[in-house]
């Protein structure tokens, strides 16, 4: 554990996440009185539960992006059509 001037910091040097090589947790002042073992166990649990988003979440984000682009294109076409009728 690293002790800072104003904060306690827990460093998890190896997590199960393929994106990060180390994770730093800044301990809230109200929890700084907890033992180092308790804080380290909780930090390891959180760090090891991170990872890539599930494939369904990625597919949902792609669908929402495509839907937003199609909606914008449709709205643009409607505006152009309305302007052509006016002029």
PDB file of N, CA and C in Angstrom:
ATOM      1  N   UNK A   1       0.851  -1.172   0.000  1.00  0.00           N
ATOM      2  CA  UNK A   1       0.000   0.000   0.000  1.00  0.00           C
ATOM      3  C   UNK A   1       0.895   1.233   0.000  1.00  0.00           C
ATOM      4  N   UNK A   2       0.456   2.250  -0.729  1.00  0.00           N
ATOM      5  CA  UNK A   2       1.174   3.513  -0.805  1.00  0.00           C
ATOM      6  C   UNK A   2       0.415   4.515   0.040  1.00  0.00           C
ATOM      7  N   UNK A   3       1.104   5.228   0.916  1.00  0.00           N
ATOM      8  CA  UNK A   3       0.457   6.275   1.696  1.00  0.00           C
ATOM      9  C   UNK A   3       0.825   7.611   1.084  1.00  0.00           C
ATOM     10  N   UNK A   4      -0.206   8.387   0.689  1.00  0.00           N
ATOM     11  CA  UNK A   4       0.020   9.713   0.164  1.00  0.00           C
ATOM     12  C   UNK A   4      -0.060  10.734   1.278  1.00  0.00           C
ATOM     13  N   UNK A   5       0.097  11.985   0.910  1.00  0.00           N
ATOM     14  CA  UNK A   5       0.021  13.046   1.898  1.00  0.00           C
ATOM     15  C   UNK A   5      -1.410  13.187   2.412  1.00  0.00           C
ATOM     16  N   UNK A   6      -2.385  13.182   1.499  1.00  0.00           N
ATOM     17  CA  UNK A   6      -3.773  13.389   1.894  1.00  0.00           C
ATOM     18  C   UNK A   6      -4.651  12.155   1.704  1.00  0.00           C
ATOM     19  N   UNK A   7      -4.177  11.170   0.971  1.00  0.00           N
ATOM     20  CA  UNK A   7      -5.006  10.009   0.659  1.00  0.00           C
ATOM     21  C   UNK A   7      -4.216   8.729   0.870  1.00  0.00           C
ATOM     22  N   UNK A   8      -4.950   7.672   1.187  1.00  0.00           N
ATOM     23  CA  UNK A   8      -4.353   6.340   1.150  1.00  0.00           C
ATOM     24  C   UNK A   8      -4.661   5.764  -0.218  1.00  0.00           C
ATOM     25  N   UNK A   9      -3.690   5.107  -0.796  1.00  0.00           N
ATOM     26  CA  UNK A   9      -3.832   4.556  -2.132  1.00  0.00           C
ATOM     27  C   UNK A   9      -3.521   3.070  -2.079  1.00  0.00           C
ATOM     28  N   UNK A  10      -4.384   2.273  -2.677  1.00  0.00           N
ATOM     29  CA  UNK A  10      -4.153   0.835  -2.804  1.00  0.00           C
ATOM     30  C   UNK A  10      -3.769   0.574  -4.257  1.00  0.00           C
ATOM     31  N   UNK A  11      -2.677  -0.097  -4.465  1.00  0.00           N
ATOM     32  CA  UNK A  11      -2.235  -0.438  -5.811  1.00  0.00           C
ATOM     33  C   UNK A  11      -2.410  -1.937  -6.025  1.00  0.00           C
ATOM     34  N   UNK A  12      -3.082  -2.299  -7.101  1.00  0.00           N
ATOM     35  CA  UNK A  12      -3.233  -3.697  -7.495  1.00  0.00           C
ATOM     36  C   UNK A  12      -2.350  -3.871  -8.728  1.00  0.00           C
ATOM     37  N   UNK A  13      -1.158  -4.456  -8.559  1.00  0.00           N
ATOM     38  CA  UNK A  13      -0.209  -4.512  -9.677  1.00  0.00           C
ATOM     39  C   UNK A  13      -0.607  -5.461 -10.797  1.00  0.00           C
ATOM     40  N   UNK A  14      -1.338  -6.520 -10.490  1.00  0.00           N
ATOM     41  CA  UNK A  14      -1.736  -7.479 -11.522  1.00  0.00           C
ATOM     42  C   UNK A  14      -3.219  -7.776 -11.374  1.00  0.00           C
ATOM     43  N   UNK A  15      -3.996  -7.356 -12.368  1.00  0.00           N
ATOM     44  CA  UNK A  15      -5.422  -7.672 -12.350  1.00  0.00           C
ATOM     45  C   UNK A  15      -5.704  -8.665 -13.467  1.00  0.00           C
ATOM     46  N   UNK A  16      -6.881  -9.270 -13.420  1.00  0.00           N
ATOM     47  CA  UNK A  16      -7.262 -10.229 -14.452  1.00  0.00           C
ATOM     48  C   UNK A  16      -7.739  -9.548 -15.727  1.00  0.00           C
ATOM     49  N   UNK A  17      -7.807  -8.235 -15.719  1.00  0.00           N
ATOM     50  CA  UNK A  17      -8.281  -7.491 -16.883  1.00  0.00           C
ATOM     51  C   UNK A  17      -7.156  -7.358 -17.909  1.00  0.00           C
ATOM     52  N   UNK A  18      -7.480  -7.658 -19.164  1.00  0.00           N
ATOM     53  CA  UNK A  18      -6.466  -7.605 -20.211  1.00  0.00           C
ATOM     54  C   UNK A  18      -6.129  -6.173 -20.628  1.00  0.00           C
ATOM     55  N   UNK A  19      -6.925  -5.187 -20.219  1.00  0.00           N
ATOM     56  CA  UNK A  19      -6.698  -3.806 -20.617  1.00  0.00           C
ATOM     57  C   UNK A  19      -5.700  -3.071 -19.730  1.00  0.00           C
ATOM     58  N   UNK A  20      -5.581  -3.470 -18.473  1.00  0.00           N
ATOM     59  CA  UNK A  20      -4.790  -2.707 -17.507  1.00  0.00           C
ATOM     60  C   UNK A  20      -3.686  -3.565 -16.913  1.00  0.00           C
ATOM     61  N   UNK A  21      -2.525  -2.959 -16.728  1.00  0.00           N
ATOM     62  CA  UNK A  21      -1.443  -3.703 -16.077  1.00  0.00           C
ATOM     63  C   UNK A  21      -1.407  -3.460 -14.574  1.00  0.00           C
ATOM     64  N   UNK A  22      -1.951  -2.335 -14.113  1.00  0.00           N
ATOM     65  CA  UNK A  22      -2.075  -2.059 -12.680  1.00  0.00           C
ATOM     66  C   UNK A  22      -3.234  -1.107 -12.454  1.00  0.00           C
ATOM     67  N   UNK A  23      -3.803  -1.183 -11.273  1.00  0.00           N
ATOM     68  CA  UNK A  23      -4.956  -0.355 -10.925  1.00  0.00           C
ATOM     69  C   UNK A  23      -4.651   0.351  -9.606  1.00  0.00           C
ATOM     70  N   UNK A  24      -4.980   1.642  -9.531  1.00  0.00           N
ATOM     71  CA  UNK A  24      -4.805   2.417  -8.302  1.00  0.00           C
ATOM     72  C   UNK A  24      -6.179   2.786  -7.745  1.00  0.00           C
ATOM     73  N   UNK A  25      -6.370   2.571  -6.457  1.00  0.00           N
ATOM     74  CA  UNK A  25      -7.608   2.929  -5.767  1.00  0.00           C
ATOM     75  C   UNK A  25      -7.272   3.966  -4.706  1.00  0.00           C
ATOM     76  N   UNK A  26      -8.012   5.073  -4.720  1.00  0.00           N
ATOM     77  CA  UNK A  26      -7.859   6.093  -3.697  1.00  0.00           C
ATOM     78  C   UNK A  26      -8.931   5.852  -2.641  1.00  0.00           C
ATOM     79  N   UNK A  27      -8.506   5.635  -1.408  1.00  0.00           N
ATOM     80  CA  UNK A  27      -9.415   5.275  -0.323  1.00  0.00           C
ATOM     81  C   UNK A  27     -10.092   6.537   0.205  1.00  0.00           C
ATOM     82  N   UNK A  28     -11.413   6.459   0.369  1.00  0.00           N
ATOM     83  CA  UNK A  28     -12.158   7.578   0.937  1.00  0.00           C
ATOM     84  C   UNK A  28     -11.707   7.788   2.379  1.00  0.00           C
ATOM     85  N   UNK A  29     -11.662   9.052   2.817  1.00  0.00           N
ATOM     86  CA  UNK A  29     -11.176   9.329   4.181  1.00  0.00           C
ATOM     87  C   UNK A  29     -11.946   8.587   5.265  1.00  0.00           C
ATOM     88  N   UNK A  30     -13.263   8.386   5.090  1.00  0.00           N
ATOM     89  CA  UNK A  30     -14.041   7.722   6.142  1.00  0.00           C
ATOM     90  C   UNK A  30     -13.719   6.237   6.254  1.00  0.00           C
ATOM     91  N   UNK A  31     -13.047   5.667   5.241  1.00  0.00           N
ATOM     92  CA  UNK A  31     -12.686   4.253   5.283  1.00  0.00           C
ATOM     93  C   UNK A  31     -11.186   4.040   5.485  1.00  0.00           C
ATOM     94  N   UNK A  32     -10.452   5.098   5.714  1.00  0.00           N
ATOM     95  CA  UNK A  32      -9.001   4.964   5.849  1.00  0.00           C
ATOM     96  C   UNK A  32      -8.596   4.247   7.139  1.00  0.00           C
ATOM     97  N   UNK A  33      -9.508   4.131   8.094  1.00  0.00           N
ATOM     98  CA  UNK A  33      -9.193   3.451   9.351  1.00  0.00           C
ATOM     99  C   UNK A  33      -9.286   1.931   9.226  1.00  0.00           C
ATOM    100  N   UNK A  34      -9.860   1.424   8.123  1.00  0.00           N
ATOM    101  CA  UNK A  34      -9.944  -0.026   7.930  1.00  0.00           C
ATOM    102  C   UNK A  34      -8.552  -0.609   7.760  1.00  0.00           C
ATOM    103  N   UNK A  35      -8.436  -1.883   8.043  1.00  0.00           N
ATOM    104  CA  UNK A  35      -7.124  -2.517   7.937  1.00  0.00           C
ATOM    105  C   UNK A  35      -6.688  -2.611   6.481  1.00  0.00           C
ATOM    106  N   UNK A  36      -5.388  -2.670   6.292  1.00  0.00           N
ATOM    107  CA  UNK A  36      -4.833  -2.752   4.944  1.00  0.00           C
ATOM    108  C   UNK A  36      -5.295  -4.026   4.240  1.00  0.00           C
ATOM    109  N   UNK A  37      -5.395  -5.113   4.981  1.00  0.00           N
ATOM    110  CA  UNK A  37      -5.833  -6.380   4.384  1.00  0.00           C
ATOM    111  C   UNK A  37      -7.249  -6.301   3.840  1.00  0.00           C
ATOM    112  N   UNK A  38      -8.147  -5.680   4.610  1.00  0.00           N
ATOM    113  CA  UNK A  38      -9.534  -5.525   4.169  1.00  0.00           C
ATOM    114  C   UNK A  38      -9.606  -4.673   2.911  1.00  0.00           C
ATOM    115  N   UNK A  39      -8.889  -3.547   2.921  1.00  0.00           N
ATOM    116  CA  UNK A  39      -8.894  -2.662   1.759  1.00  0.00           C
ATOM    117  C   UNK A  39      -8.286  -3.349   0.540  1.00  0.00           C
ATOM    118  N   UNK A  40      -7.202  -4.075   0.752  1.00  0.00           N
ATOM    119  CA  UNK A  40      -6.540  -4.758  -0.367  1.00  0.00           C
ATOM    120  C   UNK A  40      -7.438  -5.867  -0.941  1.00  0.00           C
ATOM    121  N   UNK A  41      -8.114  -6.615  -0.072  1.00  0.00           N
ATOM    122  CA  UNK A  41      -9.027  -7.657  -0.547  1.00  0.00           C
ATOM    123  C   UNK A  41     -10.151  -7.061  -1.399  1.00  0.00           C
ATOM    124  N   UNK A  42     -10.734  -5.967  -0.915  1.00  0.00           N
ATOM    125  CA  UNK A  42     -11.820  -5.317  -1.659  1.00  0.00           C
ATOM    126  C   UNK A  42     -11.303  -4.758  -2.990  1.00  0.00           C
ATOM    127  N   UNK A  43     -10.112  -4.158  -2.983  1.00  0.00           N
ATOM    128  CA  UNK A  43      -9.527  -3.605  -4.212  1.00  0.00           C
ATOM    129  C   UNK A  43      -9.249  -4.715  -5.221  1.00  0.00           C
ATOM    130  N   UNK A  44      -8.723  -5.836  -4.751  1.00  0.00           N
ATOM    131  CA  UNK A  44      -8.467  -6.974  -5.655  1.00  0.00           C
ATOM    132  C   UNK A  44      -9.768  -7.501  -6.246  1.00  0.00           C
ATOM    133  N   UNK A  45     -10.824  -7.578  -5.437  1.00  0.00           N
ATOM    134  CA  UNK A  45     -12.109  -8.068  -5.933  1.00  0.00           C
ATOM    135  C   UNK A  45     -12.661  -7.152  -7.023  1.00  0.00           C
ATOM    136  N   UNK A  46     -12.581  -5.855  -6.800  1.00  0.00           N
ATOM    137  CA  UNK A  46     -13.090  -4.899  -7.791  1.00  0.00           C
ATOM    138  C   UNK A  46     -12.238  -4.927  -9.049  1.00  0.00           C
ATOM    139  N   UNK A  47     -10.922  -4.950  -8.893  1.00  0.00           N
ATOM    140  CA  UNK A  47     -10.020  -4.932 -10.045  1.00  0.00           C
ATOM    141  C   UNK A  47     -10.181  -6.182 -10.897  1.00  0.00           C
ATOM    142  N   UNK A  48     -10.424  -7.307 -10.274  1.00  0.00           N
ATOM    143  CA  UNK A  48     -10.545  -8.554 -11.030  1.00  0.00           C
ATOM    144  C   UNK A  48     -11.915  -8.728 -11.684  1.00  0.00           C
ATOM    145  N   UNK A  49     -12.888  -7.898 -11.306  1.00  0.00           N
ATOM    146  CA  UNK A  49     -14.205  -7.968 -11.931  1.00  0.00           C
ATOM    147  C   UNK A  49     -14.332  -7.043 -13.131  1.00  0.00           C
ATOM    148  N   UNK A  50     -13.277  -6.320 -13.457  1.00  0.00           N
ATOM    149  CA  UNK A  50     -13.323  -5.451 -14.633  1.00  0.00           C
ATOM    150  C   UNK A  50     -12.895  -6.235 -15.846  1.00  0.00           C
ATOM    151  N   UNK A  51     -13.264  -5.767 -16.987  1.00  0.00           N
ATOM    152  CA  UNK A  51     -12.882  -6.440 -18.220  1.00  0.00           C
ATOM    153  C   UNK A  51     -13.627  -5.881 -19.397  1.00  0.00           C
ATOM    154  N   UNK A  52     -13.575  -6.580 -20.485  1.00  0.00           N
ATOM    155  CA  UNK A  52     -14.262  -6.150 -21.691  1.00  0.00           C
ATOM    156  C   UNK A  52     -15.765  -6.239 -21.482  1.00  0.00           C
ATOM    157  N   UNK A  53     -16.507  -5.306 -22.080  1.00  0.00           N
ATOM    158  CA  UNK A  53     -17.959  -5.401 -21.953  1.00  0.00           C
ATOM    159  C   UNK A  53     -18.470  -6.648 -22.656  1.00  0.00           C
ATOM    160  N   UNK A  54     -19.589  -7.179 -22.221  1.00  0.00           N
ATOM    161  CA  UNK A  54     -20.127  -8.392 -22.860  1.00  0.00           C
ATOM    162  C   UNK A  54     -20.512  -8.104 -24.315  1.00  0.00           C
ATOM    163  N   UNK A  55     -20.467  -9.122 -25.163  1.00  0.00           N
ATOM    164  CA  UNK A  55     -20.782  -8.922 -26.585  1.00  0.00           C
ATOM    165  C   UNK A  55     -22.176  -8.337 -26.824  1.00  0.00           C
ATOM    166  N   UNK A  56     -23.132  -8.643 -25.966  1.00  0.00           N
ATOM    167  CA  UNK A  56     -24.478  -8.099 -26.163  1.00  0.00           C
ATOM    168  C   UNK A  56     -24.493  -6.586 -25.973  1.00  0.00           C
ATOM    169  N   UNK A  57     -23.679  -6.096 -25.057  1.00  0.00           N
ATOM    170  CA  UNK A  57     -23.615  -4.659 -24.835  1.00  0.00           C
ATOM    171  C   UNK A  57     -22.968  -3.961 -26.027  1.00  0.00           C
ATOM    172  N   UNK A  58     -21.957  -4.580 -26.623  1.00  0.00           N
ATOM    173  CA  UNK A  58     -21.306  -4.021 -27.806  1.00  0.00           C
ATOM    174  C   UNK A  58     -22.289  -4.004 -28.969  1.00  0.00           C
ATOM    175  N   UNK A  59     -23.030  -5.085 -29.175  1.00  0.00           N
ATOM    176  CA  UNK A  59     -24.005  -5.157 -30.259  1.00  0.00           C
ATOM    177  C   UNK A  59     -25.109  -4.119 -30.056  1.00  0.00           C
ATOM    178  N   UNK A  60     -25.540  -3.937 -28.818  1.00  0.00           N
ATOM    179  CA  UNK A  60     -26.578  -2.955 -28.527  1.00  0.00           C
ATOM    180  C   UNK A  60     -26.085  -1.541 -28.829  1.00  0.00           C
ATOM    181  N   UNK A  61     -24.833  -1.244 -28.497  1.00  0.00           N
ATOM    182  CA  UNK A  61     -24.277   0.072 -28.777  1.00  0.00           C
ATOM    183  C   UNK A  61     -24.184   0.308 -30.285  1.00  0.00           C
ATOM    184  N   UNK A  62     -23.800  -0.710 -31.055  1.00  0.00           N
ATOM    185  CA  UNK A  62     -23.742  -0.575 -32.517  1.00  0.00           C
ATOM    186  C   UNK A  62     -25.131  -0.328 -33.077  1.00  0.00           C
ATOM    187  N   UNK A  63     -26.127  -1.070 -32.590  1.00  0.00           N
ATOM    188  CA  UNK A  63     -27.502  -0.900 -33.056  1.00  0.00           C
ATOM    189  C   UNK A  63     -27.998   0.511 -32.768  1.00  0.00           C
ATOM    190  N   UNK A  64     -27.713   1.026 -31.573  1.00  0.00           N
ATOM    191  CA  UNK A  64     -28.157   2.376 -31.217  1.00  0.00           C
ATOM    192  C   UNK A  64     -27.478   3.425 -32.095  1.00  0.00           C
ATOM    193  N   UNK A  65     -26.211   3.223 -32.429  1.00  0.00           N
ATOM    194  CA  UNK A  65     -25.505   4.154 -33.299  1.00  0.00           C
ATOM    195  C   UNK A  65     -26.104   4.145 -34.700  1.00  0.00           C
ATOM    196  N   UNK A  66     -26.369   2.966 -35.239  1.00  0.00           N
ATOM    197  CA  UNK A  66     -26.962   2.853 -36.574  1.00  0.00           C
ATOM    198  C   UNK A  66     -28.355   3.479 -36.582  1.00  0.00           C
ATOM    199  N   UNK A  67     -29.140   3.229 -35.556  1.00  0.00           N
ATOM    200  CA  UNK A  67     -30.476   3.803 -35.459  1.00  0.00           C
ATOM    201  C   UNK A  67     -30.428   5.327 -35.398  1.00  0.00           C
ATOM    202  N   UNK A  68     -29.489   5.872 -34.651  1.00  0.00           N
ATOM    203  CA  UNK A  68     -29.349   7.325 -34.552  1.00  0.00           C
ATOM    204  C   UNK A  68     -28.951   7.928 -35.895  1.00  0.00           C
ATOM    205  N   UNK A  69     -28.031   7.280 -36.617  1.00  0.00           N
ATOM    206  CA  UNK A  69     -27.625   7.787 -37.926  1.00  0.00           C
ATOM    207  C   UNK A  69     -28.770   7.731 -38.933  1.00  0.00           C
ATOM    208  N   UNK A  70     -29.528   6.645 -38.941  1.00  0.00           N
ATOM    209  CA  UNK A  70     -30.675   6.537 -39.845  1.00  0.00           C
ATOM    210  C   UNK A  70     -31.749   7.565 -39.502  1.00  0.00           C
ATOM    211  N   UNK A  71     -31.968   7.815 -38.238  1.00  0.00           N
ATOM    212  CA  UNK A  71     -32.940   8.819 -37.818  1.00  0.00           C
ATOM    213  C   UNK A  71     -32.504  10.208 -38.275  1.00  0.00           C
ATOM    214  N   UNK A  72     -31.226  10.515 -38.135  1.00  0.00           N
ATOM    215  CA  UNK A  72     -30.709  11.816 -38.567  1.00  0.00           C
ATOM    216  C   UNK A  72     -30.839  11.971 -40.081  1.00  0.00           C
ATOM    217  N   UNK A  73     -30.554  10.902 -40.813  1.00  0.00           N
ATOM    218  CA  UNK A  73     -30.690  10.958 -42.272  1.00  0.00           C
ATOM    219  C   UNK A  73     -32.151  11.154 -42.670  1.00  0.00           C
ATOM    220  N   UNK A  74     -33.066  10.462 -42.016  1.00  0.00           N
ATOM    221  CA  UNK A  74     -34.489  10.620 -42.304  1.00  0.00           C
ATOM    222  C   UNK A  74     -34.987  12.017 -41.986  1.00  0.00           C
ATOM    223  N   UNK A  75     -34.546  12.567 -40.881  1.00  0.00           N
ATOM    224  CA  UNK A  75     -34.933  13.920 -40.505  1.00  0.00           C
ATOM    225  C   UNK A  75     -34.396  14.924 -41.510  1.00  0.00           C
ATOM    226  N   UNK A  76     -33.160  14.730 -41.940  1.00  0.00           N
ATOM    227  CA  UNK A  76     -32.582  15.619 -42.956  1.00  0.00           C
ATOM    228  C   UNK A  76     -33.358  15.554 -44.257  1.00  0.00           C
ATOM    229  N   UNK A  77     -33.739  14.357 -44.683  1.00  0.00           N
ATOM    230  CA  UNK A  77     -34.508  14.196 -45.919  1.00  0.00           C
ATOM    231  C   UNK A  77     -35.874  14.862 -45.786  1.00  0.00           C
ATOM    232  N   UNK A  78     -36.507  14.758 -44.619  1.00  0.00           N
ATOM    233  CA  UNK A  78     -37.804  15.387 -44.402  1.00  0.00           C
ATOM    234  C   UNK A  78     -37.692  16.905 -44.453  1.00  0.00           C
ATOM    235  N   UNK A  79     -36.655  17.456 -43.894  1.00  0.00           N
ATOM    236  CA  UNK A  79     -36.457  18.909 -43.916  1.00  0.00           C
ATOM    237  C   UNK A  79     -36.231  19.390 -45.345  1.00  0.00           C
ATOM    238  N   UNK A  80     -35.407  18.678 -46.096  1.00  0.00           N
ATOM    239  CA  UNK A  80     -35.145  19.055 -47.493  1.00  0.00           C
ATOM    240  C   UNK A  80     -36.432  18.966 -48.305  1.00  0.00           C
ATOM    241  N   UNK A  81     -37.215  17.923 -48.103  1.00  0.00           N
ATOM    242  CA  UNK A  81     -38.491  17.793 -48.811  1.00  0.00           C
ATOM    243  C   UNK A  81     -39.443  18.926 -48.481  1.00  0.00           C
ATOM    244  N   UNK A  82     -39.506  19.311 -47.219  1.00  0.00           N
ATOM    245  CA  UNK A  82     -40.382  20.403 -46.810  1.00  0.00           C
ATOM    246  C   UNK A  82     -39.922  21.726 -47.415  1.00  0.00           C
ATOM    247  N   UNK A  83     -38.616  21.942 -47.462  1.00  0.00           N
ATOM    248  CA  UNK A  83     -38.090  23.178 -48.049  1.00  0.00           C
ATOM    249  C   UNK A  83     -38.347  23.232 -49.545  1.00  0.00           C
ATOM    250  N   UNK A  84     -38.281  22.117 -50.233  1.00  0.00           N
ATOM    251  CA  UNK A  84     -38.562  22.087 -51.667  1.00  0.00           C
ATOM    252  C   UNK A  84     -40.031  22.410 -51.958  1.00  0.00           C
ATOM    253  N   UNK A  85     -40.928  22.001 -51.086  1.00  0.00           N
ATOM    254  CA  UNK A  85     -42.337  22.328 -51.279  1.00  0.00           C
ATOM    255  C   UNK A  85     -42.616  23.813 -51.061  1.00  0.00           C
ATOM    256  N   UNK A  86     -41.878  24.437 -50.148  1.00  0.00           N
ATOM    257  CA  UNK A  86     -42.066  25.854 -49.851  1.00  0.00           C
ATOM    258  C   UNK A  86     -41.481  26.741 -50.935  1.00  0.00           C
ATOM    259  N   UNK A  87     -40.391  26.318 -51.533  1.00  0.00           N
ATOM    260  CA  UNK A  87     -39.721  27.180 -52.521  1.00  0.00           C
ATOM    261  C   UNK A  87     -39.841  26.608 -53.858  1.00  0.00           C
TER     262      UNK A  87
END
